[in-house]
Structure formats: C-alpha cells, structure tokens
C-alpha atoms as a PDB file:
ATOM      1  CA  MET A   1      51.653 -23.854  43.650  1.00  0.00           C
ATOM      2  CA  SER A   2      53.624 -22.724  46.904  1.00  0.00           C
ATOM      3  CA  LEU A   3      55.185 -19.789  47.149  1.00  0.00           C
ATOM      4  CA  GLY A   4      57.680 -20.153  50.236  1.00  0.00           C
ATOM      5  CA  PRO A   5      58.323 -17.861  53.469  1.00  0.00           C
ATOM      6  CA  GLY A   6      59.843 -14.722  52.177  1.00  0.00           C
ATOM      7  CA  SER A   7      58.274 -14.564  48.479  1.00  0.00           C
ATOM      8  CA  SER A   8      56.127 -11.581  50.110  1.00  0.00           C
ATOM      9  CA  GLU A   9      59.428  -9.396  49.334  1.00  0.00           C
ATOM     10  CA  LEU A  10      59.863 -10.177  45.785  1.00  0.00           C
ATOM     11  CA  THR A  11      58.650  -7.569  43.391  1.00  0.00           C
ATOM     12  CA  PRO A  12      57.291 -10.136  40.295  1.00  0.00           C
ATOM     13  CA  THR A  13      56.698  -8.015  37.030  1.00  0.00           C
ATOM     14  CA  ILE A  14      53.274  -8.573  35.498  1.00  0.00           C
ATOM     15  CA  VAL A  15      53.143  -7.237  32.116  1.00  0.00           C
ATOM     16  CA  ASP A  16      49.859  -7.793  31.293  1.00  0.00           C
ATOM     17  CA  PRO A  17      47.195  -9.145  34.150  1.00  0.00           C
ATOM     18  CA  PRO A  18      44.862 -11.206  33.271  1.00  0.00           C
ATOM     19  CA  ARG A  19      41.283  -9.013  32.031  1.00  0.00           C
ATOM     20  CA  MET A  20      38.000 -10.147  31.270  1.00  0.00           C
ATOM     21  CA  PRO A  21      36.194  -7.705  28.762  1.00  0.00           C
ATOM     22  CA  ALA A  22      33.018  -7.183  30.714  1.00  0.00           C
ATOM     23  CA  ARG A  23      32.078  -4.917  33.482  1.00  0.00           C
ATOM     24  CA  THR A  24      31.070  -4.887  36.865  1.00  0.00           C
ATOM     25  CA  ASP A  25      27.482  -3.904  36.367  1.00  0.00           C
ATOM     26  CA  THR A  26      26.734  -6.479  33.820  1.00  0.00           C
ATOM     27  CA  VAL A  27      27.813  -9.223  36.093  1.00  0.00           C
ATOM     28  CA  ARG A  28      25.333  -7.691  38.918  1.00  0.00           C
ATOM     29  CA  ARG A  29      22.579  -7.545  36.197  1.00  0.00           C
ATOM     30  CA  GLN A  30      22.787 -11.244  35.213  1.00  0.00           C
ATOM     31  CA  PHE A  31      23.143 -12.574  39.241  1.00  0.00           C
ATOM     32  CA  ASP A  32      20.067 -10.163  40.033  1.00  0.00           C
ATOM     33  CA  HIS A  33      18.131 -12.002  37.230  1.00  0.00           C
ATOM     34  CA  ARG A  34      19.174 -15.352  38.007  1.00  0.00           C
ATOM     35  CA  ALA A  35      18.739 -14.926  41.644  1.00  0.00           C
ATOM     36  CA  VAL A  36      15.190 -16.562  42.036  1.00  0.00           C
ATOM     37  CA  ARG A  37      16.320 -19.845  40.505  1.00  0.00           C
ATOM     38  CA  PHE A  38      19.978 -19.843  41.673  1.00  0.00           C
ATOM     39  CA  GLY A  39      19.412 -21.950  44.591  1.00  0.00           C
ATOM     40  CA  GLU A  40      17.934 -24.550  42.242  1.00  0.00           C
ATOM     41  CA  HIS A  41      21.274 -25.031  40.901  1.00  0.00           C
ATOM     42  CA  ASP A  42      23.738 -24.005  43.988  1.00  0.00           C
ATOM     43  CA  PHE A  43      25.102 -27.929  44.327  1.00  0.00           C
ATOM     44  CA  LEU A  44      28.503 -26.947  42.926  1.00  0.00           C
ATOM     45  CA  VAL A  45      28.854 -23.659  44.895  1.00  0.00           C
ATOM     46  CA  ARG A  46      27.450 -25.313  48.167  1.00  0.00           C
ATOM     47  CA  GLU A  47      30.044 -28.312  47.578  1.00  0.00           C
ATOM     48  CA  VAL A  48      33.215 -25.970  47.257  1.00  0.00           C
ATOM     49  CA  GLY A  49      32.103 -23.568  49.978  1.00  0.00           C
ATOM     50  CA  GLN A  50      32.197 -26.819  52.368  1.00  0.00           C
ATOM     51  CA  ARG A  51      35.360 -27.873  50.763  1.00  0.00           C
ATOM     52  CA  LEU A  52      37.154 -24.624  51.623  1.00  0.00           C
ATOM     53  CA  ILE A  53      35.996 -24.424  54.905  1.00  0.00           C
ATOM     54  CA  GLU A  54      37.198 -27.814  55.687  1.00  0.00           C
ATOM     55  CA  ARG A  55      40.421 -26.263  55.115  1.00  0.00           C
ATOM     56  CA  LEU A  56      40.374 -24.068  58.187  1.00  0.00           C
ATOM     57  CA  GLN A  57      40.783 -27.031  60.340  1.00  0.00           C
ATOM     58  CA  VAL A  58      44.266 -26.849  59.727  1.00  0.00           C
ATOM     59  CA  ILE A  59      44.966 -23.287  60.234  1.00  0.00           C
ATOM     60  CA  ARG A  60      44.604 -22.432  63.948  1.00  0.00           C
ATOM     61  CA  LEU A  61      42.648 -18.921  63.728  1.00  0.00           C
ATOM     62  CA  ASP A  62      40.333 -17.477  65.806  1.00  0.00           C
ATOM     63  CA  PRO A  63      38.372 -14.286  64.070  1.00  0.00           C
ATOM     64  CA  GLY A  64      36.513 -12.039  65.539  1.00  0.00           C
ATOM     65  CA  ARG A  65      35.473 -10.488  62.265  1.00  0.00           C
ATOM     66  CA  ILE A  66      34.571 -12.624  58.973  1.00  0.00           C
ATOM     67  CA  VAL A  67      33.999 -10.973  55.779  1.00  0.00           C
ATOM     68  CA  ASP A  68      32.470 -13.246  53.243  1.00  0.00           C
ATOM     69  CA  VAL A  69      33.026 -11.299  49.696  1.00  0.00           C
ATOM     70  CA  GLY A  70      30.626 -12.440  47.153  1.00  0.00           C
ATOM     71  CA  CYS A  71      28.717 -14.449  49.715  1.00  0.00           C
ATOM     72  CA  GLY A  72      25.512 -14.707  47.327  1.00  0.00           C
ATOM     73  CA  ALA A  73      22.633 -16.138  49.324  1.00  0.00           C
ATOM     74  CA  GLY A  74      24.728 -16.582  52.744  1.00  0.00           C
ATOM     75  CA  GLY A  75      25.412 -20.415  51.965  1.00  0.00           C
ATOM     76  CA  ALA A  76      28.217 -20.261  53.989  1.00  0.00           C
ATOM     77  CA  ARG A  77      27.328 -18.078  57.120  1.00  0.00           C
ATOM     78  CA  ARG A  78      26.324 -20.739  58.929  1.00  0.00           C
ATOM     79  CA  ALA A  79      28.966 -23.143  58.553  1.00  0.00           C
ATOM     80  CA  LEU A  80      31.732 -20.350  59.003  1.00  0.00           C
ATOM     81  CA  LEU A  81      29.468 -18.972  62.238  1.00  0.00           C
ATOM     82  CA  GLU A  82      29.456 -22.716  63.663  1.00  0.00           C
ATOM     83  CA  ARG A  83      33.254 -23.160  63.325  1.00  0.00           C
ATOM     84  CA  TYR A  84      33.762 -19.651  64.972  1.00  0.00           C
ATOM     85  CA  PRO A  85      30.486 -18.858  67.091  1.00  0.00           C
ATOM     86  CA  ARG A  86      32.280 -15.924  68.483  1.00  0.00           C
ATOM     87  CA  ALA A  87      32.608 -14.186  65.056  1.00  0.00           C
ATOM     88  CA  HIS A  88      30.766 -11.402  63.372  1.00  0.00           C
ATOM     89  CA  TRP A  89      29.795 -12.330  59.794  1.00  0.00           C
ATOM     90  CA  LEU A  90      29.485  -9.852  57.265  1.00  0.00           C
ATOM     91  CA  GLY A  91      28.343 -11.071  53.875  1.00  0.00           C
ATOM     92  CA  VAL A  92      29.180  -8.715  51.013  1.00  0.00           C
ATOM     93  CA  ASP A  93      27.905  -9.157  47.119  1.00  0.00           C
ATOM     94  CA  LEU A  94      27.551  -7.144  44.452  1.00  0.00           C
ATOM     95  CA  SER A  95      23.664  -8.261  43.340  1.00  0.00           C
ATOM     96  CA  PRO A  96      20.996  -6.701  45.829  1.00  0.00           C
ATOM     97  CA  ALA A  97      18.903  -9.584  44.236  1.00  0.00           C
ATOM     98  CA  MET A  98      21.422 -12.245  45.801  1.00  0.00           C
ATOM     99  CA  LEU A  99      21.135 -10.759  48.917  1.00  0.00           C
ATOM    100  CA  ALA A 100      17.702 -10.364  49.502  1.00  0.00           C
ATOM    101  CA  ARG A 101      17.607 -14.016  49.692  1.00  0.00           C
ATOM    102  CA  VAL A 102      20.352 -14.256  52.818  1.00  0.00           C
ATOM    103  CA  PRO A 103      17.740 -15.688  55.555  1.00  0.00           C
ATOM    104  CA  ALA A 104      17.585 -14.010  59.148  1.00  0.00           C
ATOM    105  CA  ALA A 105      20.364 -11.077  58.632  1.00  0.00           C
ATOM    106  CA  THR A 106      20.358  -7.170  58.276  1.00  0.00           C
ATOM    107  CA  PHE A 107      21.606  -4.529  55.992  1.00  0.00           C
ATOM    108  CA  LEU A 108      24.856  -3.075  57.470  1.00  0.00           C
ATOM    109  CA  SER A 109      24.176   0.733  58.419  1.00  0.00           C
ATOM    110  CA  ARG A 110      27.331   1.407  60.081  1.00  0.00           C
ATOM    111  CA  LEU A 111      30.503  -0.061  59.968  1.00  0.00           C
ATOM    112  CA  LEU A 112      32.650   1.190  62.295  1.00  0.00           C
ATOM    113  CA  PRO A 113      32.358   0.710  65.406  1.00  0.00           C
ATOM    114  CA  TRP A 114      31.591  -2.910  64.475  1.00  0.00           C
ATOM    115  CA  ARG A 115      28.439  -3.396  66.044  1.00  0.00           C
ATOM    116  CA  GLY A 116      25.325  -5.425  65.494  1.00  0.00           C
ATOM    117  CA  PRO A 117      24.098  -9.302  65.159  1.00  0.00           C
ATOM    118  CA  PRO A 118      26.503 -11.944  63.663  1.00  0.00           C
ATOM    119  CA  ALA A 119      24.940 -11.784  60.523  1.00  0.00           C
ATOM    120  CA  GLN A 120      25.128  -8.240  58.658  1.00  0.00           C
ATOM    121  CA  LEU A 121      25.157  -7.621  54.801  1.00  0.00           C
ATOM    122  CA  ALA A 122      26.833  -5.053  52.661  1.00  0.00           C
ATOM    123  CA  CYS A 123      25.803  -4.591  48.741  1.00  0.00           C
ATOM    124  CA  ALA A 124      29.075  -3.628  47.199  1.00  0.00           C
ATOM    125  CA  GLU A 125      31.677  -4.164  44.659  1.00  0.00           C
ATOM    126  CA  ALA A 126      34.870  -6.732  45.410  1.00  0.00           C
ATOM    127  CA  ALA A 127      37.570  -3.971  44.808  1.00  0.00           C
ATOM    128  CA  ALA A 128      35.784  -1.052  46.846  1.00  0.00           C
ATOM    129  CA  LEU A 129      34.716  -2.708  50.281  1.00  0.00           C
ATOM    130  CA  PRO A 130      33.079  -0.797  53.025  1.00  0.00           C
ATOM    131  CA  LEU A 131      35.567  -1.419  55.455  1.00  0.00           C
ATOM    132  CA  ALA A 132      38.335   0.720  57.315  1.00  0.00           C
ATOM    133  CA  ASP A 133      41.646  -0.877  57.269  1.00  0.00           C
ATOM    134  CA  GLY A 134      42.582  -3.766  59.203  1.00  0.00           C
ATOM    135  CA  SER A 135      39.303  -4.230  60.487  1.00  0.00           C
ATOM    136  CA  VAL A 136      39.002  -7.922  59.052  1.00  0.00           C
ATOM    137  CA  ASP A 137      40.420 -11.216  60.720  1.00  0.00           C
ATOM    138  CA  LEU A 138      39.112 -14.063  57.854  1.00  0.00           C
ATOM    139  CA  LEU A 139      38.240 -12.524  54.196  1.00  0.00           C
ATOM    140  CA  PHE A 140      36.350 -15.866  52.844  1.00  0.00           C
ATOM    141  CA  SER A 141      35.328 -15.541  49.263  1.00  0.00           C
ATOM    142  CA  ASN A 142      33.379 -18.868  47.361  1.00  0.00           C
ATOM    143  CA  LEU A 143      33.666 -19.041  43.467  1.00  0.00           C
ATOM    144  CA  MET A 144      33.290 -14.904  43.385  1.00  0.00           C
ATOM    145  CA  LEU A 145      36.540 -14.081  41.672  1.00  0.00           C
ATOM    146  CA  HIS A 146      36.304 -15.300  38.438  1.00  0.00           C
ATOM    147  CA  TRP A 147      33.198 -13.001  37.467  1.00  0.00           C
ATOM    148  CA  HIS A 148      35.536  -9.902  38.419  1.00  0.00           C
ATOM    149  CA  PRO A 149      36.906  -8.405  35.169  1.00  0.00           C
ATOM    150  CA  GLN A 150      40.378  -7.283  36.578  1.00  0.00           C
ATOM    151  CA  PRO A 151      40.866  -9.698  39.527  1.00  0.00           C
ATOM    152  CA  HIS A 152      44.264  -8.171  39.733  1.00  0.00           C
ATOM    153  CA  THR A 153      42.667  -5.069  41.576  1.00  0.00           C
ATOM    154  CA  VAL A 154      40.816  -7.044  44.041  1.00  0.00           C
ATOM    155  CA  PHE A 155      43.932  -8.503  45.864  1.00  0.00           C
ATOM    156  CA  PRO A 156      45.283  -5.152  47.077  1.00  0.00           C
ATOM    157  CA  GLU A 157      41.798  -3.969  48.298  1.00  0.00           C
ATOM    158  CA  TRP A 158      41.468  -7.455  50.069  1.00  0.00           C
ATOM    159  CA  LEU A 159      44.830  -6.793  51.642  1.00  0.00           C
ATOM    160  CA  ARG A 160      43.902  -3.171  52.891  1.00  0.00           C
ATOM    161  CA  VAL A 161      40.999  -4.478  54.874  1.00  0.00           C
ATOM    162  CA  LEU A 162      42.787  -7.446  56.578  1.00  0.00           C
ATOM    163  CA  ARG A 163      44.519  -6.781  59.747  1.00  0.00           C
ATOM    164  CA  ALA A 164      48.420  -7.894  60.425  1.00  0.00           C
ATOM    165  CA  ASP A 165      48.257 -11.565  60.622  1.00  0.00           C
ATOM    166  CA  GLY A 166      44.650 -11.643  58.857  1.00  0.00           C
ATOM    167  CA  LEU A 167      43.764 -14.760  56.606  1.00  0.00           C
ATOM    168  CA  LEU A 168      42.478 -14.666  52.894  1.00  0.00           C
ATOM    169  CA  LEU A 169      40.933 -18.044  51.839  1.00  0.00           C
ATOM    170  CA  PHE A 170      39.151 -18.086  48.430  1.00  0.00           C
ATOM    171  CA  SER A 171      38.092 -20.933  45.485  1.00  0.00           C
ATOM    172  CA  CYS A 172      37.440 -19.817  41.893  1.00  0.00           C
ATOM    173  CA  PHE A 173      36.968 -22.001  38.281  1.00  0.00           C
ATOM    174  CA  GLY A 174      40.307 -22.384  36.639  1.00  0.00           C
ATOM    175  CA  PRO A 175      41.077 -22.744  32.746  1.00  0.00           C
ATOM    176  CA  ASP A 176      39.544 -26.092  32.557  1.00  0.00           C
ATOM    177  CA  THR A 177      35.837 -24.960  33.616  1.00  0.00           C
ATOM    178  CA  LEU A 178      33.190 -25.667  31.038  1.00  0.00           C
ATOM    179  CA  LYS A 179      35.527 -27.560  28.435  1.00  0.00           C
ATOM    180  CA  GLU A 180      33.087 -29.776  26.977  1.00  0.00           C
ATOM    181  CA  LEU A 181      31.092 -26.978  26.265  1.00  0.00           C
ATOM    182  CA  ARG A 182      33.384 -24.939  24.625  1.00  0.00           C
ATOM    183  CA  GLN A 183      34.064 -28.374  22.467  1.00  0.00           C
ATOM    184  CA  ALA A 184      30.295 -28.722  21.825  1.00  0.00           C
ATOM    185  CA  CYS A 185      30.119 -24.933  20.681  1.00  0.00           C
ATOM    186  CA  ALA A 186      33.332 -25.613  18.137  1.00  0.00           C
ATOM    187  CA  ALA A 187      31.486 -28.866  16.961  1.00  0.00           C
ATOM    188  CA  ALA A 188      28.208 -27.115  16.295  1.00  0.00           C
ATOM    189  CA  GLY A 189      30.132 -24.082  14.538  1.00  0.00           C
ATOM    190  CA  ILE A 190      29.086 -21.532  17.210  1.00  0.00           C
ATOM    191  CA  ALA A 191      31.793 -18.805  17.159  1.00  0.00           C
ATOM    192  CA  ALA A 192      31.385 -18.774  21.652  1.00  0.00           C
ATOM    193  CA  ARG A 193      33.346 -16.190  23.189  1.00  0.00           C
ATOM    194  CA  PRO A 194      33.817 -18.253  26.801  1.00  0.00           C
ATOM    195  CA  MET A 195      35.076 -16.240  29.947  1.00  0.00           C
ATOM    196  CA  PRO A 196      38.771 -16.323  30.035  1.00  0.00           C
ATOM    197  CA  PHE A 197      39.519 -18.108  33.522  1.00  0.00           C
ATOM    198  CA  VAL A 198      42.627 -17.151  35.242  1.00  0.00           C
ATOM    199  CA  ASP A 199      45.537 -19.490  35.720  1.00  0.00           C
ATOM    200  CA  MET A 200      45.864 -20.317  39.416  1.00  0.00           C
ATOM    201  CA  HIS A 201      49.931 -19.237  38.822  1.00  0.00           C
ATOM    202  CA  ASP A 202      48.264 -15.957  37.668  1.00  0.00           C
ATOM    203  CA  PHE A 203      46.178 -15.782  41.012  1.00  0.00           C
ATOM    204  CA  GLY A 204      49.606 -16.638  42.767  1.00  0.00           C
ATOM    205  CA  ASP A 205      51.137 -13.822  41.371  1.00  0.00           C
ATOM    206  CA  MET A 206      48.380 -11.351  42.138  1.00  0.00           C
ATOM    207  CA  MET A 207      49.102 -12.339  45.791  1.00  0.00           C
ATOM    208  CA  VAL A 208      52.631 -11.817  45.734  1.00  0.00           C
ATOM    209  CA  ALA A 209      52.365  -8.282  43.745  1.00  0.00           C
ATOM    210  CA  ALA A 210      49.920  -7.309  45.928  1.00  0.00           C
ATOM    211  CA  GLY A 211      52.022  -7.695  49.273  1.00  0.00           C
ATOM    212  CA  PHE A 212      50.349 -11.030  50.798  1.00  0.00           C
ATOM    213  CA  ALA A 213      52.513 -13.757  52.638  1.00  0.00           C
ATOM    214  CA  THR A 214      53.333 -17.224  52.319  1.00  0.00           C
ATOM    215  CA  PRO A 215      50.225 -17.595  49.078  1.00  0.00           C
ATOM    216  CA  VAL A 216      49.469 -20.968  48.273  1.00  0.00           C
ATOM    217  CA  MET A 217      47.583 -22.394  45.355  1.00  0.00           C
ATOM    218  CA  ASP A 218      46.166 -25.375  44.370  1.00  0.00           C
ATOM    219  CA  ALA A 219      43.130 -26.936  42.532  1.00  0.00           C
ATOM    220  CA  GLU A 220      41.020 -29.881  41.638  1.00  0.00           C
ATOM    221  CA  THR A 221      38.471 -31.043  39.379  1.00  0.00           C
ATOM    222  CA  ILE A 222      35.203 -31.744  39.741  1.00  0.00           C
ATOM    223  CA  ARG A 223      32.851 -33.397  36.822  1.00  0.00           C
ATOM    224  CA  LEU A 224      29.212 -33.251  37.322  1.00  0.00           C
ATOM    225  CA  THR A 225      26.663 -35.295  34.641  1.00  0.00           C
ATOM    226  CA  TYR A 226      23.279 -34.778  33.416  1.00  0.00           C
ATOM    227  CA  GLY A 227      20.708 -36.719  31.969  1.00  0.00           C
ATOM    228  CA  SER A 228      20.129 -34.044  28.851  1.00  0.00           C
ATOM    229  CA  PRO A 229      22.348 -31.321  26.911  1.00  0.00           C
ATOM    230  CA  GLN A 230      19.025 -29.228  28.121  1.00  0.00           C
ATOM    231  CA  ALA A 231      19.477 -30.172  31.895  1.00  0.00           C
ATOM    232  CA  LEU A 232      23.401 -29.098  31.329  1.00  0.00           C
ATOM    233  CA  LEU A 233      22.821 -25.763  29.710  1.00  0.00           C
ATOM    234  CA  ARG A 234      20.285 -25.080  32.661  1.00  0.00           C
ATOM    235  CA  GLU A 235      22.881 -25.625  35.234  1.00  0.00           C
ATOM    236  CA  ALA A 236      25.636 -23.609  32.826  1.00  0.00           C
ATOM    237  CA  ALA A 237      23.372 -20.433  32.564  1.00  0.00           C
ATOM    238  CA  ALA A 238      21.893 -20.625  36.200  1.00  0.00           C
ATOM    239  CA  LEU A 239      25.337 -20.674  37.465  1.00  0.00           C
ATOM    240  CA  GLY A 240      25.979 -17.085  36.266  1.00  0.00           C
ATOM    241  CA  GLY A 241      25.900 -16.998  32.454  1.00  0.00           C
ATOM    242  CA  ASN A 242      28.761 -15.168  30.269  1.00  0.00           C
ATOM    243  CA  PRO A 243      29.241 -11.271  31.387  1.00  0.00           C
ATOM    244  CA  ARG A 244      31.470 -10.529  28.419  1.00  0.00           C
ATOM    245  CA  ASP A 245      30.696  -7.285  26.713  1.00  0.00           C
ATOM    246  CA  ASP A 246      31.909  -9.037  23.623  1.00  0.00           C
ATOM    247  CA  ARG A 247      29.118 -11.680  23.731  1.00  0.00           C
ATOM    248  CA  ALA A 248      26.549 -13.183  21.238  1.00  0.00           C
ATOM    249  CA  ALA A 249      23.864 -10.441  21.228  1.00  0.00           C
ATOM    250  CA  GLY A 250      21.140 -13.367  21.329  1.00  0.00           C
ATOM    251  CA  LEU A 251      20.794 -16.921  21.922  1.00  0.00           C
ATOM    252  CA  VAL A 252      21.681 -19.939  20.040  1.00  0.00           C
ATOM    253  CA  SER A 253      18.862 -20.801  17.906  1.00  0.00           C
ATOM    254  CA  GLY A 254      17.520 -22.898  14.566  1.00  0.00           C
ATOM    255  CA  ARG A 255      20.285 -25.041  13.321  1.00  0.00           C
ATOM    256  CA  ARG A 256      22.838 -24.168  15.265  1.00  0.00           C
ATOM    257  CA  ALA A 257      21.016 -24.544  18.326  1.00  0.00           C
ATOM    258  CA  ARG A 258      20.250 -28.094  17.099  1.00  0.00           C
ATOM    259  CA  ALA A 259      23.523 -29.001  16.211  1.00  0.00           C
ATOM    260  CA  LEU A 260      24.947 -27.660  19.886  1.00  0.00           C
ATOM    261  CA  LEU A 261      22.645 -30.122  21.309  1.00  0.00           C
ATOM    262  CA  GLN A 262      23.616 -33.054  19.027  1.00  0.00           C
ATOM    263  CA  ALA A 263      27.348 -32.222  19.916  1.00  0.00           C
ATOM    264  CA  LEU A 264      26.474 -32.467  23.483  1.00  0.00           C
ATOM    265  CA  ASP A 265      24.316 -35.702  23.245  1.00  0.00           C
ATOM    266  CA  ALA A 266      27.290 -37.362  21.312  1.00  0.00           C
ATOM    267  CA  MET A 267      29.390 -36.941  24.603  1.00  0.00           C
ATOM    268  CA  ARG A 268      27.286 -39.608  26.652  1.00  0.00           C
ATOM    269  CA  ASP A 269      29.369 -41.892  28.758  1.00  0.00           C
ATOM    270  CA  ALA A 270      28.996 -45.434  28.950  1.00  0.00           C
ATOM    271  CA  ALA A 271      26.253 -44.488  31.532  1.00  0.00           C
ATOM    272  CA  GLY A 272      24.435 -42.452  29.226  1.00  0.00           C
ATOM    273  CA  ARG A 273      25.425 -39.151  31.316  1.00  0.00           C
ATOM    274  CA  ILE A 274      26.979 -36.082  30.105  1.00  0.00           C
ATOM    275  CA  ALA A 275      29.871 -34.945  31.628  1.00  0.00           C
ATOM    276  CA  LEU A 276      30.416 -30.968  32.711  1.00  0.00           C
ATOM    277  CA  THR A 277      34.152 -30.228  34.050  1.00  0.00           C
ATOM    278  CA  PHE A 278      34.557 -27.474  36.572  1.00  0.00           C
ATOM    279  CA  GLU A 279      38.170 -26.817  37.637  1.00  0.00           C
ATOM    280  CA  ILE A 280      38.615 -25.555  41.138  1.00  0.00           C
ATOM    281  CA  ALA A 281      41.512 -22.915  42.076  1.00  0.00           C
ATOM    282  CA  TYR A 282      41.772 -22.929  45.924  1.00  0.00           C
ATOM    283  CA  GLY A 283      43.939 -20.071  47.199  1.00  0.00           C
ATOM    284  CA  HIS A 284      44.966 -18.701  50.650  1.00  0.00           C
ATOM    285  CA  ALA A 285      47.797 -16.015  52.007  1.00  0.00           C
ATOM    286  CA  TRP A 286      48.442 -13.942  55.117  1.00  0.00           C
ATOM    287  CA  LYS A 287      48.273 -10.187  55.657  1.00  0.00           C
ATOM    288  CA  PRO A 288      52.351  -9.565  56.926  1.00  0.00           C
ATOM    289  CA  ARG A 289      52.796  -8.021  59.991  1.00  0.00           C
ATOM    290  CA  PRO A 290      54.742  -4.132  59.406  1.00  0.00           C
ATOM    291  CA  ARG A 291      58.323  -4.330  58.914  1.00  0.00           C
ATOM    292  CA  ILE A 292      60.363  -3.240  62.230  1.00  0.00           C
ATOM    293  CA  GLY A 293      64.015  -2.278  61.584  1.00  0.00           C
ATOM    294  CA  GLY A 294      64.706  -3.833  58.183  1.00  0.00           C
ATOM    295  CA  GLN A 295      63.210  -7.382  58.843  1.00  0.00           C
ATOM    296  CA  SER A 296      59.612  -8.830  58.959  1.00  0.00           C
ATOM    297  CA  THR A 297      57.991 -11.114  61.726  1.00  0.00           C
ATOM    298  CA  VAL A 298      55.953 -14.485  60.734  1.00  0.00           C
ATOM    299  CA  SER A 299      54.221 -16.177  63.443  1.00  0.00           C
ATOM    300  CA  LEU A 300      55.115 -19.660  64.610  1.00  0.00           C
ATOM    301  CA  ASP A 301      51.460 -20.645  64.151  1.00  0.00           C
ATOM    302  CA  ARG A 302      51.529 -19.597  60.378  1.00  0.00           C
ATOM    303  CA  LEU A 303      54.625 -21.538  59.655  1.00  0.00           C
ATOM    304  CA  ARG A 304      53.246 -24.777  61.239  1.00  0.00           C
ATOM    305  CA  ALA A 305      50.085 -24.032  59.052  1.00  0.00           C
ATOM    306  CA  GLN A 306      51.958 -23.586  55.733  1.00  0.00           C
ATOM    307  CA  LEU A 307      53.864 -26.884  56.372  1.00  0.00           C
ATOM    308  CA  ARG A 308      51.367 -28.540  56.967  1.00  0.00           C
ATOM    309  CA  ARG A 309      49.265 -27.498  53.326  1.00  0.00           C
ATOM    310  CA  SER A 310      52.575 -27.953  51.525  1.00  0.00           C
END
C-alpha cells in the first residue's frame, strides 16, 4: 500500500483501532524470561532486520542520531553503524534482561545534550520514550510493534521524537503469521487465543492519523520449516510467546497436547518438513516539515526515494 504525497493532510477516522488484550508489563516479563534462550531462535529476527536495513540503500539519509526501538540484544546495531559510522545509536527496549545481553554498550544516564559513545541503552516503553522532541534522525524498529497492546498510541510518540524530515523505518508480523499453528490448534480442539496481528493497511492508517508524511507499507511471506512438531513449538515460544491476558492459564497437556503434535505432524511436506508462515509487514514514513503560510514543503530527495520504492 502506498499513501502518496499530501496524504499527511488527511484526517482519517479510525473507529476502533486494533488493540491486543494485554499489558506492556506482561510483554516485559515474557521477554525477560526468554532472554537467555532468545539468541538460539533469533534467525528470523536477524534476517528481517537485515532486509529492513537493506531498504536504506535507496533512501538518501545521513543520520546523526539513530534510535532502535525494541532493540532486544542489539542485533541490528552493528549493521546500522556500519552504514552510518558517524551516527550515535541508542537502543531502547522494554526488557532489562534483553538489554543486558547487548555487548559493549552503556545505559543512558543523560539524554540532553546527546553525548557519549555510539552505543547507549535505555529501558523504556515504545509509547513513552525518554527523548526530547525532534531529537532523532532515524527511528528504526524491527519486529517489535506487534507486541504492543495499543500500537496506535506508538506512532504519535515516534513522530514527536523525530526531527522534521526524520525517517521512521519498521517491520512487524502480519495476520498470516503462525497460521499453520492456529490451524493445528483448531484441528486438535484447542480453544487457543492467538495474538491478533494487525493488518498493514491499519498501520498505514495509524501513521497518517499520527501526522506522518508519505507513509508506505508492503509485505512479504517467509516460511520456515522444522524437522519435528516439538522444534516448531520451541521456536514459536522462544520468539515471544503470547502476552494476551485472556490466554489459557497453563500449558496444553495430555490428550490435547498429543492431538496438537499429531496435527502438526500431519502437515509435513514432500521433504518431510513442517512449515510455519511468518507474514512480514514493512513500513516507512517521514516526519513532515512545519507548514509555512498554509503550505508544506517536501524535500526532492524524499520524493525521489518515494518513487523508487513505489
């Protein structure tokens, strides 16, 4: 989906923004619990992060300050600083345990003025960043936004911290993610309450409503395969689990657990592998310059980048 130039002036009506019945403290606890083994199952996160960074090749940008929201263990830091060696990188994450696994970085003690080494950390929530208005050139977020219970509250905060002509670049899971696991749960008679992943068009509407200019969303599908149902379930759990407040109180066991394993085992392909789908949505948008005399200005470089991505 492409929302073309001028769309930032629209005022769309979002009657009921998508929300997840969960709390940010639940998300924090789950990632604190998984921090130690997350690195054993982070292939998808690293792969999508690399694809997200590659999109910067067609965007003319020389950021001095990069904020990586939902940075986890800092997997994207090196690639971002290699692309922008003069930039300062700040990693922000809700989970102290995940931040503790970021190598060679220091926790941020003072934000303004922006000082210190190129790698700093802050433990904060995505919709309440400890950053000054207009203090960020590039806000980068890889596979984080789908964990937030109220993603429509995040975009106004991201717009606030970006400078005029600053860039937002993010990825997140889409509605088809884990569809095989949902099908297997249904076949096994398990009344699962999976995460309600948000459609990319809704994210586009949220960016427009927040005031971003020329937002663009697109998606792709990545299918990972596993040798056993147990390996598939371990991966799904290690990637973050399910933070819904109304999820089942305990793990599936006994007859239903065996039925789930059998349902997954029945999904083997011709090569004997079991596939798991991840829909990856990518988005980027710019913070517009202030309106002057009833008109807004758009940089030529941004328009060229927009045309290349369309």
